Amino acid sequence: MEGSFPQGILKSELLNRLAINLDTAEAFGPITEIWVNGRSHQVRGLGYSGGGLLQRQSRRFLWSQVRSIGRDGVVVKAGTGTEASDEPLQDCLPLGEIELWSDHGDRIGQLTDYRFDPATGNILEYLFIPEATSDLAPGLYALAPMSVISTGRRRMMAEDAALSTASLVQAGVPPRQPTAAASPFDRIPLDRVPDPRRSWDAAVKGTQTVRDQVHEQFQEGRQKLGAEAHDRRQKLQAEAQDKLGGLLGNVKKRTRGLRNQLREAVTDVTAGLPSGPNLRDDDVPTIDVNAMELWPEDDRPDYPAPHQPPYPPNPSGR
């Protein structure tokens, strides 16, 4: 790896330094995590966070992209693109303050820091503080990587013989080393924190799944509201038809009543009038008229009309 690096550096010394892009001179943000392969005991990458509740602007870089480490920052060859592949970091952990156990089942202390070679990324020694109940005197101790048996997210297990003979680096209770800025996830139990080895693609897929679920719920809600509105509209139409039918029924009843009253009034008026055979009076002479009769003209008054009887004689002789 080309660049300028110190002979050895502590993880706590690298945290919170500013990560700067070599190609654009733009600052990414302070370094908040360093990724370690627990089997090879080698630093494989680092990451930063741009802030925010969910740390959405976080990004990781491979250790091979680090060009130099200065007093104030870390220069990274990241290019002009914004995409970064963290697939090589799938088997790594952001190794922090975890419990240190022996292979005999004893909790020896707590791992607080480690020293590594920035040129190669190889971890030179792990630093831990023993428990108050441990046989080791208070202080800061160093543990060789070859003595480590396994490393997990919450614990590191090492050989009991190596732990009992660990070299003392600093006597007494050492001051607490600076750590990365706390995030809301620090208050979540580790068992509930998502696996940091999960790739960014998996996180994107999870976000898409949540988005699809929200979209489906929205569509179901809209369909439900549409069905309720349709039922409500049909109910209102049925009520309107019922009211209109009742109104028309009342009008018909009132009209029928008026017709009955009018019929009764006419019946009362015509009750005393003759009808049928009663209309004929035998005392009143009637004249039968034939449609084919010819009446006499005005200039012939002396001739009787056809089919008329002669004028009766005048008894007075007139």
C-alpha atoms as a PDB file:
ATOM      1  CA  MET A   1       0.000   0.000   0.000  1.00  0.00           C
ATOM      2  CA  GLU A   2       1.461   3.303  -1.078  1.00  0.00           C
ATOM      3  CA  GLY A   3       1.216   6.301   1.181  1.00  0.00           C
ATOM      4  CA  SER A   4       2.385   7.817   4.446  1.00  0.00           C
ATOM      5  CA  PHE A   5       1.607   5.823   7.583  1.00  0.00           C
ATOM      6  CA  PRO A   6       2.864   5.749  11.169  1.00  0.00           C
ATOM      7  CA  GLN A   7       4.643   2.664  12.457  1.00  0.00           C
ATOM      8  CA  GLY A   8       1.695   1.601  14.549  1.00  0.00           C
ATOM      9  CA  ILE A   9      -1.617   3.177  15.432  1.00  0.00           C
ATOM     10  CA  LEU A  10      -4.385   2.475  17.888  1.00  0.00           C
ATOM     11  CA  LYS A  11      -7.944   2.092  16.799  1.00  0.00           C
ATOM     12  CA  SER A  12      -8.991   4.771  19.296  1.00  0.00           C
ATOM     13  CA  GLU A  13      -6.526   7.187  17.662  1.00  0.00           C
ATOM     14  CA  LEU A  14      -8.052   6.671  14.220  1.00  0.00           C
ATOM     15  CA  LEU A  15     -11.664   7.128  15.236  1.00  0.00           C
ATOM     16  CA  ASN A  16     -13.239  10.556  14.672  1.00  0.00           C
ATOM     17  CA  ARG A  17     -10.574  11.616  12.196  1.00  0.00           C
ATOM     18  CA  LEU A  18     -11.971  13.187   9.049  1.00  0.00           C
ATOM     19  CA  ALA A  19     -12.157  11.012   5.913  1.00  0.00           C
ATOM     20  CA  ILE A  20     -11.258  13.040   2.795  1.00  0.00           C
ATOM     21  CA  ASN A  21     -11.615  12.070  -0.843  1.00  0.00           C
ATOM     22  CA  LEU A  22      -8.258  12.221  -2.639  1.00  0.00           C
ATOM     23  CA  ASP A  23      -9.863  12.891  -6.050  1.00  0.00           C
ATOM     24  CA  THR A  24     -12.272  15.668  -5.080  1.00  0.00           C
ATOM     25  CA  ALA A  25     -10.848  16.995  -1.765  1.00  0.00           C
ATOM     26  CA  GLU A  26     -14.369  16.655  -0.368  1.00  0.00           C
ATOM     27  CA  ALA A  27     -14.820  15.515   3.216  1.00  0.00           C
ATOM     28  CA  PHE A  28     -16.974  12.443   3.740  1.00  0.00           C
ATOM     29  CA  GLY A  29     -17.277  12.720   7.496  1.00  0.00           C
ATOM     30  CA  PRO A  30     -15.597  11.558  10.712  1.00  0.00           C
ATOM     31  CA  ILE A  31     -14.583   7.891  10.889  1.00  0.00           C
ATOM     32  CA  THR A  32     -16.984   6.021  13.152  1.00  0.00           C
ATOM     33  CA  GLU A  33     -16.175   2.358  12.545  1.00  0.00           C
ATOM     34  CA  ILE A  34     -13.175   0.149  11.675  1.00  0.00           C
ATOM     35  CA  TRP A  35     -13.877  -3.298  10.230  1.00  0.00           C
ATOM     36  CA  VAL A  36     -11.741  -6.240  11.364  1.00  0.00           C
ATOM     37  CA  ASN A  37     -11.555  -9.821  10.140  1.00  0.00           C
ATOM     38  CA  GLY A  38     -11.598 -11.829  13.361  1.00  0.00           C
ATOM     39  CA  ARG A  39      -9.982 -14.909  11.808  1.00  0.00           C
ATOM     40  CA  SER A  40      -7.047 -13.240  10.062  1.00  0.00           C
ATOM     41  CA  HIS A  41      -6.770 -10.452  12.680  1.00  0.00           C
ATOM     42  CA  GLN A  42      -6.503  -7.816  10.010  1.00  0.00           C
ATOM     43  CA  VAL A  43      -8.136  -4.418   9.507  1.00  0.00           C
ATOM     44  CA  ARG A  44     -10.061  -4.629   6.231  1.00  0.00           C
ATOM     45  CA  GLY A  45     -11.960  -1.363   6.028  1.00  0.00           C
ATOM     46  CA  LEU A  46     -13.369   1.706   7.668  1.00  0.00           C
ATOM     47  CA  GLY A  47     -16.597   3.650   7.536  1.00  0.00           C
ATOM     48  CA  TYR A  48     -18.039   6.999   8.304  1.00  0.00           C
ATOM     49  CA  SER A  49     -21.482   8.385   9.029  1.00  0.00           C
ATOM     50  CA  GLY A  50     -22.882  11.651   7.795  1.00  0.00           C
ATOM     51  CA  GLY A  51     -25.259  11.945  10.741  1.00  0.00           C
ATOM     52  CA  GLY A  52     -29.003  11.704  11.028  1.00  0.00           C
ATOM     53  CA  LEU A  53     -31.228   9.483  13.129  1.00  0.00           C
ATOM     54  CA  LEU A  54     -30.855   6.432  10.888  1.00  0.00           C
ATOM     55  CA  GLN A  55     -27.299   7.163   9.708  1.00  0.00           C
ATOM     56  CA  ARG A  56     -28.501   6.963   6.102  1.00  0.00           C
ATOM     57  CA  GLN A  57     -25.448   8.732   4.689  1.00  0.00           C
ATOM     58  CA  SER A  58     -22.972   6.139   5.979  1.00  0.00           C
ATOM     59  CA  ARG A  59     -20.409   4.649   3.615  1.00  0.00           C
ATOM     60  CA  ARG A  60     -17.584   2.128   3.873  1.00  0.00           C
ATOM     61  CA  PHE A  61     -14.187   1.930   2.217  1.00  0.00           C
ATOM     62  CA  LEU A  62     -11.739  -0.893   1.859  1.00  0.00           C
ATOM     63  CA  TRP A  63      -8.464  -0.512   3.665  1.00  0.00           C
ATOM     64  CA  SER A  64      -6.723  -0.776   0.282  1.00  0.00           C
ATOM     65  CA  GLN A  65      -8.338   2.568  -0.637  1.00  0.00           C
ATOM     66  CA  VAL A  66      -6.625   4.373   2.246  1.00  0.00           C
ATOM     67  CA  ARG A  67      -3.692   6.377   0.893  1.00  0.00           C
ATOM     68  CA  SER A  68      -2.370   8.097   3.985  1.00  0.00           C
ATOM     69  CA  ILE A  69      -3.099   8.768   7.641  1.00  0.00           C
ATOM     70  CA  GLY A  70      -2.330  12.201   9.045  1.00  0.00           C
ATOM     71  CA  ARG A  71      -2.706  13.968  12.305  1.00  0.00           C
ATOM     72  CA  ASP A  72      -6.185  15.280  11.485  1.00  0.00           C
ATOM     73  CA  GLY A  73      -7.580  13.052   8.785  1.00  0.00           C
ATOM     74  CA  VAL A  74      -7.453   9.976   6.564  1.00  0.00           C
ATOM     75  CA  VAL A  75      -7.050  10.370   2.789  1.00  0.00           C
ATOM     76  CA  VAL A  76      -9.098   7.875   0.796  1.00  0.00           C
ATOM     77  CA  LYS A  77      -8.913   7.066  -2.921  1.00  0.00           C
ATOM     78  CA  ALA A  78     -12.673   6.888  -3.457  1.00  0.00           C
ATOM     79  CA  GLY A  79     -13.032   8.357  -6.970  1.00  0.00           C
ATOM     80  CA  THR A  80     -15.843  10.627  -8.100  1.00  0.00           C
ATOM     81  CA  GLY A  81     -18.629   8.039  -7.866  1.00  0.00           C
ATOM     82  CA  THR A  82     -20.886   7.595  -4.890  1.00  0.00           C
ATOM     83  CA  GLU A  83     -21.246   3.818  -5.039  1.00  0.00           C
ATOM     84  CA  ALA A  84     -19.035   1.631  -2.903  1.00  0.00           C
ATOM     85  CA  SER A  85     -18.817  -2.143  -2.699  1.00  0.00           C
ATOM     86  CA  ASP A  86     -18.648  -3.536   0.822  1.00  0.00           C
ATOM     87  CA  GLU A  87     -18.809  -7.178  -0.224  1.00  0.00           C
ATOM     88  CA  PRO A  88     -15.216  -7.860   0.987  1.00  0.00           C
ATOM     89  CA  LEU A  89     -16.361  -6.703   4.457  1.00  0.00           C
ATOM     90  CA  GLN A  90     -19.062  -9.375   4.802  1.00  0.00           C
ATOM     91  CA  ASP A  91     -16.879 -11.484   7.121  1.00  0.00           C
ATOM     92  CA  CYS A  92     -15.729  -8.513   9.195  1.00  0.00           C
ATOM     93  CA  LEU A  93     -16.941  -6.875  12.382  1.00  0.00           C
ATOM     94  CA  PRO A  94     -16.736  -3.307  13.677  1.00  0.00           C
ATOM     95  CA  LEU A  95     -14.745  -4.572  16.634  1.00  0.00           C
ATOM     96  CA  GLY A  96     -15.438  -2.402  19.662  1.00  0.00           C
ATOM     97  CA  GLU A  97     -15.541  -2.821  23.425  1.00  0.00           C
ATOM     98  CA  ILE A  98     -16.496  -6.486  23.870  1.00  0.00           C
ATOM     99  CA  GLU A  99     -16.142  -9.046  26.644  1.00  0.00           C
ATOM    100  CA  LEU A 100     -12.965 -11.137  26.865  1.00  0.00           C
ATOM    101  CA  TRP A 101     -13.408 -14.765  27.944  1.00  0.00           C
ATOM    102  CA  SER A 102     -11.018 -17.648  28.486  1.00  0.00           C
ATOM    103  CA  ASP A 103     -11.506 -21.075  26.961  1.00  0.00           C
ATOM    104  CA  HIS A 104     -12.057 -22.317  30.555  1.00  0.00           C
ATOM    105  CA  GLY A 105     -15.326 -20.373  30.703  1.00  0.00           C
ATOM    106  CA  ASP A 106     -14.074 -17.448  32.815  1.00  0.00           C
ATOM    107  CA  ARG A 107     -14.809 -13.834  31.994  1.00  0.00           C
ATOM    108  CA  ILE A 108     -11.414 -12.210  32.227  1.00  0.00           C
ATOM    109  CA  GLY A 109     -12.151  -8.606  31.345  1.00  0.00           C
ATOM    110  CA  GLN A 110     -13.113  -6.290  28.532  1.00  0.00           C
ATOM    111  CA  LEU A 111     -11.393  -5.641  25.212  1.00  0.00           C
ATOM    112  CA  THR A 112     -11.039  -1.863  24.859  1.00  0.00           C
ATOM    113  CA  ASP A 113      -8.607  -1.247  21.982  1.00  0.00           C
ATOM    114  CA  TYR A 114      -6.065  -2.775  19.607  1.00  0.00           C
ATOM    115  CA  ARG A 115      -2.892  -1.659  17.874  1.00  0.00           C
ATOM    116  CA  PHE A 116      -2.331  -2.402  14.181  1.00  0.00           C
ATOM    117  CA  ASP A 117       0.083  -1.703  11.359  1.00  0.00           C
ATOM    118  CA  PRO A 118      -1.619   0.793   9.003  1.00  0.00           C
ATOM    119  CA  ALA A 119       0.599  -0.211   6.076  1.00  0.00           C
ATOM    120  CA  THR A 120      -0.687  -3.787   6.088  1.00  0.00           C
ATOM    121  CA  GLY A 121      -3.717  -3.653   8.380  1.00  0.00           C
ATOM    122  CA  ASN A 122      -2.352  -6.484  10.528  1.00  0.00           C
ATOM    123  CA  ILE A 123      -3.305  -6.280  14.198  1.00  0.00           C
ATOM    124  CA  LEU A 124      -0.221  -6.294  16.419  1.00  0.00           C
ATOM    125  CA  GLU A 125      -1.865  -6.700  19.826  1.00  0.00           C
ATOM    126  CA  TYR A 126      -5.232  -6.536  21.547  1.00  0.00           C
ATOM    127  CA  LEU A 127      -5.569  -4.385  24.672  1.00  0.00           C
ATOM    128  CA  PHE A 128      -7.891  -5.315  27.515  1.00  0.00           C
ATOM    129  CA  ILE A 129      -8.731  -4.370  31.095  1.00  0.00           C
ATOM    130  CA  PRO A 130      -9.189  -7.263  33.587  1.00  0.00           C
ATOM    131  CA  GLU A 131     -12.236  -7.721  35.789  1.00  0.00           C
ATOM    132  CA  ALA A 132     -12.040  -6.781  39.459  1.00  0.00           C
ATOM    133  CA  THR A 133     -12.427 -10.476  40.323  1.00  0.00           C
ATOM    134  CA  SER A 134      -9.580 -11.508  38.033  1.00  0.00           C
ATOM    135  CA  ASP A 135      -6.197 -12.674  39.307  1.00  0.00           C
ATOM    136  CA  LEU A 136      -4.558  -9.928  37.207  1.00  0.00           C
ATOM    137  CA  ALA A 137      -3.709  -6.640  38.864  1.00  0.00           C
ATOM    138  CA  PRO A 138      -5.562  -3.531  37.703  1.00  0.00           C
ATOM    139  CA  GLY A 139      -4.102  -2.063  34.541  1.00  0.00           C
ATOM    140  CA  LEU A 140      -4.041  -2.282  30.756  1.00  0.00           C
ATOM    141  CA  TYR A 141      -2.793  -5.590  29.293  1.00  0.00           C
ATOM    142  CA  ALA A 142      -1.752  -6.714  25.814  1.00  0.00           C
ATOM    143  CA  LEU A 143      -2.803  -9.991  24.193  1.00  0.00           C
ATOM    144  CA  ALA A 144      -1.129 -11.497  21.121  1.00  0.00           C
ATOM    145  CA  PRO A 145      -3.518 -12.198  18.174  1.00  0.00           C
ATOM    146  CA  MET A 146      -2.254 -15.784  17.891  1.00  0.00           C
ATOM    147  CA  SER A 147      -3.706 -16.492  21.357  1.00  0.00           C
ATOM    148  CA  VAL A 148      -7.239 -15.602  20.235  1.00  0.00           C
ATOM    149  CA  ILE A 149      -9.463 -18.615  19.535  1.00  0.00           C
ATOM    150  CA  SER A 150     -12.612 -16.916  18.215  1.00  0.00           C
ATOM    151  CA  THR A 151     -14.215 -13.500  17.898  1.00  0.00           C
ATOM    152  CA  GLY A 152     -17.901 -12.579  17.861  1.00  0.00           C
ATOM    153  CA  ARG A 153     -20.035  -9.498  18.018  1.00  0.00           C
ATOM    154  CA  ARG A 154     -20.174  -9.469  21.804  1.00  0.00           C
ATOM    155  CA  ARG A 155     -17.280 -11.665  22.972  1.00  0.00           C
ATOM    156  CA  MET A 156     -13.730 -12.692  22.224  1.00  0.00           C
ATOM    157  CA  MET A 157     -12.379 -16.017  23.486  1.00  0.00           C
ATOM    158  CA  ALA A 158      -8.671 -16.597  24.072  1.00  0.00           C
ATOM    159  CA  GLU A 159      -6.420 -19.237  25.606  1.00  0.00           C
ATOM    160  CA  ASP A 160      -6.433 -19.212  29.385  1.00  0.00           C
ATOM    161  CA  ALA A 161      -2.640 -19.672  29.601  1.00  0.00           C
ATOM    162  CA  ALA A 162      -2.036 -16.653  27.358  1.00  0.00           C
ATOM    163  CA  LEU A 163      -4.438 -14.504  29.376  1.00  0.00           C
ATOM    164  CA  SER A 164      -2.814 -15.395  32.692  1.00  0.00           C
ATOM    165  CA  THR A 165       0.610 -14.419  31.329  1.00  0.00           C
ATOM    166  CA  ALA A 166      -0.477 -11.295  29.413  1.00  0.00           C
ATOM    167  CA  SER A 167       2.030  -8.445  29.481  1.00  0.00           C
ATOM    168  CA  LEU A 168       1.195  -5.321  31.448  1.00  0.00           C
ATOM    169  CA  VAL A 169       1.198  -2.167  29.305  1.00  0.00           C
ATOM    170  CA  GLN A 170       0.001   0.363  31.858  1.00  0.00           C
ATOM    171  CA  ALA A 171      -0.449  -0.153  35.588  1.00  0.00           C
ATOM    172  CA  GLY A 172      -3.442   1.127  37.458  1.00  0.00           C
ATOM    173  CA  VAL A 173      -6.798   2.006  35.985  1.00  0.00           C
ATOM    174  CA  PRO A 174      -6.104   3.555  32.566  1.00  0.00           C
ATOM    175  CA  PRO A 175      -8.167   6.498  31.376  1.00  0.00           C
ATOM    176  CA  ARG A 176     -11.052   5.668  29.104  1.00  0.00           C
ATOM    177  CA  GLN A 177     -10.095   5.894  25.460  1.00  0.00           C
ATOM    178  CA  PRO A 178     -12.167   8.148  23.139  1.00  0.00           C
ATOM    179  CA  THR A 179     -14.704   6.329  21.038  1.00  0.00           C
ATOM    180  CA  ALA A 180     -16.826   7.183  18.083  1.00  0.00           C
ATOM    181  CA  ALA A 181     -19.751   9.515  18.421  1.00  0.00           C
ATOM    182  CA  ALA A 182     -22.716   7.789  19.959  1.00  0.00           C
ATOM    183  CA  SER A 183     -25.650   6.981  17.720  1.00  0.00           C
ATOM    184  CA  PRO A 184     -29.254   6.036  18.559  1.00  0.00           C
ATOM    185  CA  PHE A 185     -28.334   2.406  17.870  1.00  0.00           C
ATOM    186  CA  ASP A 186     -25.954   2.391  20.837  1.00  0.00           C
ATOM    187  CA  ARG A 187     -28.998   2.323  23.138  1.00  0.00           C
ATOM    188  CA  ILE A 188     -30.416  -0.788  21.445  1.00  0.00           C
ATOM    189  CA  PRO A 189     -29.467  -4.204  22.858  1.00  0.00           C
ATOM    190  CA  LEU A 190     -26.867  -5.891  20.687  1.00  0.00           C
ATOM    191  CA  ASP A 191     -29.102  -8.892  20.160  1.00  0.00           C
ATOM    192  CA  ARG A 192     -31.601  -6.645  18.418  1.00  0.00           C
ATOM    193  CA  VAL A 193     -29.145  -4.651  16.332  1.00  0.00           C
ATOM    194  CA  PRO A 194     -29.147  -5.690  12.642  1.00  0.00           C
ATOM    195  CA  ASP A 195     -26.115  -7.657  11.570  1.00  0.00           C
ATOM    196  CA  PRO A 196     -23.519  -5.092  10.392  1.00  0.00           C
ATOM    197  CA  ARG A 197     -22.221  -7.610   7.871  1.00  0.00           C
ATOM    198  CA  ARG A 198     -25.416  -7.324   5.890  1.00  0.00           C
ATOM    199  CA  SER A 199     -24.673  -5.744   2.523  1.00  0.00           C
ATOM    200  CA  TRP A 200     -26.110  -2.485   1.338  1.00  0.00           C
ATOM    201  CA  ASP A 201     -28.025  -4.356  -1.374  1.00  0.00           C
ATOM    202  CA  ALA A 202     -29.854  -6.357   1.279  1.00  0.00           C
ATOM    203  CA  ALA A 203     -30.773  -3.140   3.074  1.00  0.00           C
ATOM    204  CA  VAL A 204     -32.079  -1.659  -0.182  1.00  0.00           C
ATOM    205  CA  LYS A 205     -34.139  -4.779  -0.840  1.00  0.00           C
ATOM    206  CA  GLY A 206     -35.559  -4.577   2.656  1.00  0.00           C
ATOM    207  CA  THR A 207     -36.529  -0.947   2.068  1.00  0.00           C
ATOM    208  CA  GLN A 208     -38.192  -1.871  -1.217  1.00  0.00           C
ATOM    209  CA  THR A 209     -40.123  -4.637   0.521  1.00  0.00           C
ATOM    210  CA  VAL A 210     -41.383  -2.208   3.157  1.00  0.00           C
ATOM    211  CA  ARG A 211     -42.312   0.252   0.408  1.00  0.00           C
ATOM    212  CA  ASP A 212     -44.281  -2.434  -1.453  1.00  0.00           C
ATOM    213  CA  GLN A 213     -46.088  -3.405   1.740  1.00  0.00           C
ATOM    214  CA  VAL A 214     -47.025   0.215   2.411  1.00  0.00           C
ATOM    215  CA  HIS A 215     -48.226   0.563  -1.197  1.00  0.00           C
ATOM    216  CA  GLU A 216     -50.383  -2.568  -0.889  1.00  0.00           C
ATOM    217  CA  GLN A 217     -51.879  -1.331   2.351  1.00  0.00           C
ATOM    218  CA  PHE A 218     -52.618   2.020   0.715  1.00  0.00           C
ATOM    219  CA  GLN A 219     -54.317   0.323  -2.234  1.00  0.00           C
ATOM    220  CA  GLU A 220     -56.380  -1.869   0.089  1.00  0.00           C
ATOM    221  CA  GLY A 221     -57.420   1.163   2.096  1.00  0.00           C
ATOM    222  CA  ARG A 222     -58.411   3.069  -1.031  1.00  0.00           C
ATOM    223  CA  GLN A 223     -60.441   0.127  -2.343  1.00  0.00           C
ATOM    224  CA  LYS A 224     -62.149  -0.224   1.016  1.00  0.00           C
ATOM    225  CA  LEU A 225     -63.043   3.462   1.034  1.00  0.00           C
ATOM    226  CA  GLY A 226     -64.336   3.174  -2.543  1.00  0.00           C
ATOM    227  CA  ALA A 227     -66.535   0.216  -1.617  1.00  0.00           C
ATOM    228  CA  GLU A 228     -67.875   2.053   1.431  1.00  0.00           C
ATOM    229  CA  ALA A 229     -68.619   5.123  -0.704  1.00  0.00           C
ATOM    230  CA  HIS A 230     -70.428   2.934  -3.276  1.00  0.00           C
ATOM    231  CA  ASP A 231     -72.542   1.282  -0.588  1.00  0.00           C
ATOM    232  CA  ARG A 232     -73.302   4.666   0.924  1.00  0.00           C
ATOM    233  CA  ARG A 233     -74.377   6.014  -2.483  1.00  0.00           C
ATOM    234  CA  GLN A 234     -76.651   3.035  -3.105  1.00  0.00           C
ATOM    235  CA  LYS A 235     -78.162   3.421   0.357  1.00  0.00           C
ATOM    236  CA  LEU A 236     -78.884   7.109  -0.260  1.00  0.00           C
ATOM    237  CA  GLN A 237     -80.458   6.303  -3.634  1.00  0.00           C
ATOM    238  CA  ALA A 238     -82.693   3.646  -2.047  1.00  0.00           C
ATOM    239  CA  GLU A 239     -83.747   6.087   0.682  1.00  0.00           C
ATOM    240  CA  ALA A 240     -84.504   8.767  -1.927  1.00  0.00           C
ATOM    241  CA  GLN A 241     -86.598   6.330  -3.969  1.00  0.00           C
ATOM    242  CA  ASP A 242     -88.504   5.270  -0.868  1.00  0.00           C
ATOM    243  CA  LYS A 243     -89.223   8.883   0.041  1.00  0.00           C
ATOM    244  CA  LEU A 244     -90.293   9.712  -3.527  1.00  0.00           C
ATOM    245  CA  GLY A 245     -92.540   6.640  -3.658  1.00  0.00           C
ATOM    246  CA  GLY A 246     -94.154   7.626  -0.381  1.00  0.00           C
ATOM    247  CA  LEU A 247     -94.707  11.189  -1.642  1.00  0.00           C
ATOM    248  CA  LEU A 248     -96.325   9.960  -4.881  1.00  0.00           C
ATOM    249  CA  GLY A 249     -98.469   7.578  -2.864  1.00  0.00           C
ATOM    250  CA  ASN A 250     -99.701  10.453  -0.706  1.00  0.00           C
ATOM    251  CA  VAL A 251    -100.475  12.513  -3.828  1.00  0.00           C
ATOM    252  CA  LYS A 252    -102.451   9.621  -5.323  1.00  0.00           C
ATOM    253  CA  LYS A 253    -104.405   9.187  -2.094  1.00  0.00           C
ATOM    254  CA  ARG A 254    -105.232  12.903  -1.929  1.00  0.00           C
ATOM    255  CA  THR A 255    -106.276  12.935  -5.615  1.00  0.00           C
ATOM    256  CA  ARG A 256    -108.462   9.881  -5.120  1.00  0.00           C
ATOM    257  CA  GLY A 257    -110.120  11.580  -2.181  1.00  0.00           C
ATOM    258  CA  LEU A 258    -110.808  14.731  -4.231  1.00  0.00           C
ATOM    259  CA  ARG A 259    -112.316  12.660  -7.046  1.00  0.00           C
ATOM    260  CA  ASN A 260    -114.594  10.889  -4.596  1.00  0.00           C
ATOM    261  CA  GLN A 261    -115.696  14.193  -3.099  1.00  0.00           C
ATOM    262  CA  LEU A 262    -116.410  15.667  -6.560  1.00  0.00           C
ATOM    263  CA  ARG A 263    -118.381  12.587  -7.570  1.00  0.00           C
ATOM    264  CA  GLU A 264    -120.463  12.797  -4.398  1.00  0.00           C
ATOM    265  CA  ALA A 265    -121.165  16.533  -4.986  1.00  0.00           C
ATOM    266  CA  VAL A 266    -122.329  15.910  -8.568  1.00  0.00           C
ATOM    267  CA  THR A 267    -124.519  13.061  -7.383  1.00  0.00           C
ATOM    268  CA  ASP A 268    -126.147  15.326  -4.788  1.00  0.00           C
ATOM    269  CA  VAL A 269    -126.885  18.068  -7.377  1.00  0.00           C
ATOM    270  CA  THR A 270    -128.382  15.774  -9.981  1.00  0.00           C
ATOM    271  CA  ALA A 271    -130.316  13.675  -7.551  1.00  0.00           C
ATOM    272  CA  GLY A 272    -133.606  15.647  -8.136  1.00  0.00           C
ATOM    273  CA  LEU A 273    -133.411  15.837 -11.911  1.00  0.00           C
ATOM    274  CA  PRO A 274    -135.364  13.405 -14.116  1.00  0.00           C
ATOM    275  CA  SER A 275    -133.421  10.826 -15.906  1.00  0.00           C
ATOM    276  CA  GLY A 276    -134.211   7.980 -18.320  1.00  0.00           C
ATOM    277  CA  PRO A 277    -137.958   7.471 -18.861  1.00  0.00           C
ATOM    278  CA  ASN A 278    -138.758  10.285 -16.476  1.00  0.00           C
ATOM    279  CA  LEU A 279    -137.566  12.801 -19.030  1.00  0.00           C
ATOM    280  CA  ARG A 280    -140.732  12.159 -21.248  1.00  0.00           C
ATOM    281  CA  ASP A 281    -144.072  13.965 -20.452  1.00  0.00           C
ATOM    282  CA  ASP A 282    -147.114  12.417 -22.093  1.00  0.00           C
ATOM    283  CA  ASP A 283    -149.050  15.705 -21.865  1.00  0.00           C
ATOM    284  CA  VAL A 284    -146.554  17.539 -23.998  1.00  0.00           C
ATOM    285  CA  PRO A 285    -147.026  16.888 -27.742  1.00  0.00           C
ATOM    286  CA  THR A 286    -144.067  15.718 -29.653  1.00  0.00           C
ATOM    287  CA  ILE A 287    -143.168  16.233 -33.251  1.00  0.00           C
ATOM    288  CA  ASP A 288    -141.603  13.487 -35.226  1.00  0.00           C
ATOM    289  CA  VAL A 289    -139.219  14.837 -37.791  1.00  0.00           C
ATOM    290  CA  ASN A 290    -138.030  12.893 -40.770  1.00  0.00           C
ATOM    291  CA  ALA A 291    -134.718  13.843 -42.117  1.00  0.00           C
ATOM    292  CA  MET A 292    -135.965  13.514 -45.734  1.00  0.00           C
ATOM    293  CA  GLU A 293    -138.947  15.831 -45.316  1.00  0.00           C
ATOM    294  CA  LEU A 294    -139.200  18.843 -47.623  1.00  0.00           C
ATOM    295  CA  TRP A 295    -140.659  21.925 -46.085  1.00  0.00           C
ATOM    296  CA  PRO A 296    -142.750  24.305 -48.292  1.00  0.00           C
ATOM    297  CA  GLU A 297    -141.070  27.254 -49.850  1.00  0.00           C
ATOM    298  CA  ASP A 298    -141.893  30.775 -48.774  1.00  0.00           C
ATOM    299  CA  ASP A 299    -143.621  31.628 -52.187  1.00  0.00           C
ATOM    300  CA  ARG A 300    -146.092  28.729 -51.949  1.00  0.00           C
ATOM    301  CA  PRO A 301    -147.826  29.083 -48.588  1.00  0.00           C
ATOM    302  CA  ASP A 302    -151.133  27.561 -49.830  1.00  0.00           C
ATOM    303  CA  TYR A 303    -149.791  24.112 -50.445  1.00  0.00           C
ATOM    304  CA  PRO A 304    -149.389  21.900 -47.485  1.00  0.00           C
ATOM    305  CA  ALA A 305    -146.147  20.215 -46.908  1.00  0.00           C
ATOM    306  CA  PRO A 306    -145.893  16.615 -48.041  1.00  0.00           C
ATOM    307  CA  HIS A 307    -147.019  13.988 -45.601  1.00  0.00           C
ATOM    308  CA  GLN A 308    -148.669  16.707 -43.507  1.00  0.00           C
ATOM    309  CA  PRO A 309    -152.384  16.430 -42.773  1.00  0.00           C
ATOM    310  CA  PRO A 310    -154.603  19.172 -44.236  1.00  0.00           C
ATOM    311  CA  TYR A 311    -155.245  22.204 -42.134  1.00  0.00           C
ATOM    312  CA  PRO A 312    -158.219  21.620 -39.871  1.00  0.00           C
ATOM    313  CA  PRO A 313    -161.366  23.659 -40.686  1.00  0.00           C
ATOM    314  CA  ASN A 314    -161.944  26.768 -38.697  1.00  0.00           C
ATOM    315  CA  PRO A 315    -165.210  26.466 -36.859  1.00  0.00           C
ATOM    316  CA  SER A 316    -165.630  30.207 -36.790  1.00  0.00           C
ATOM    317  CA  GLY A 317    -165.640  30.373 -40.575  1.00  0.00           C
ATOM    318  CA  ARG A 318    -162.649  32.576 -40.707  1.00  0.00           C
END
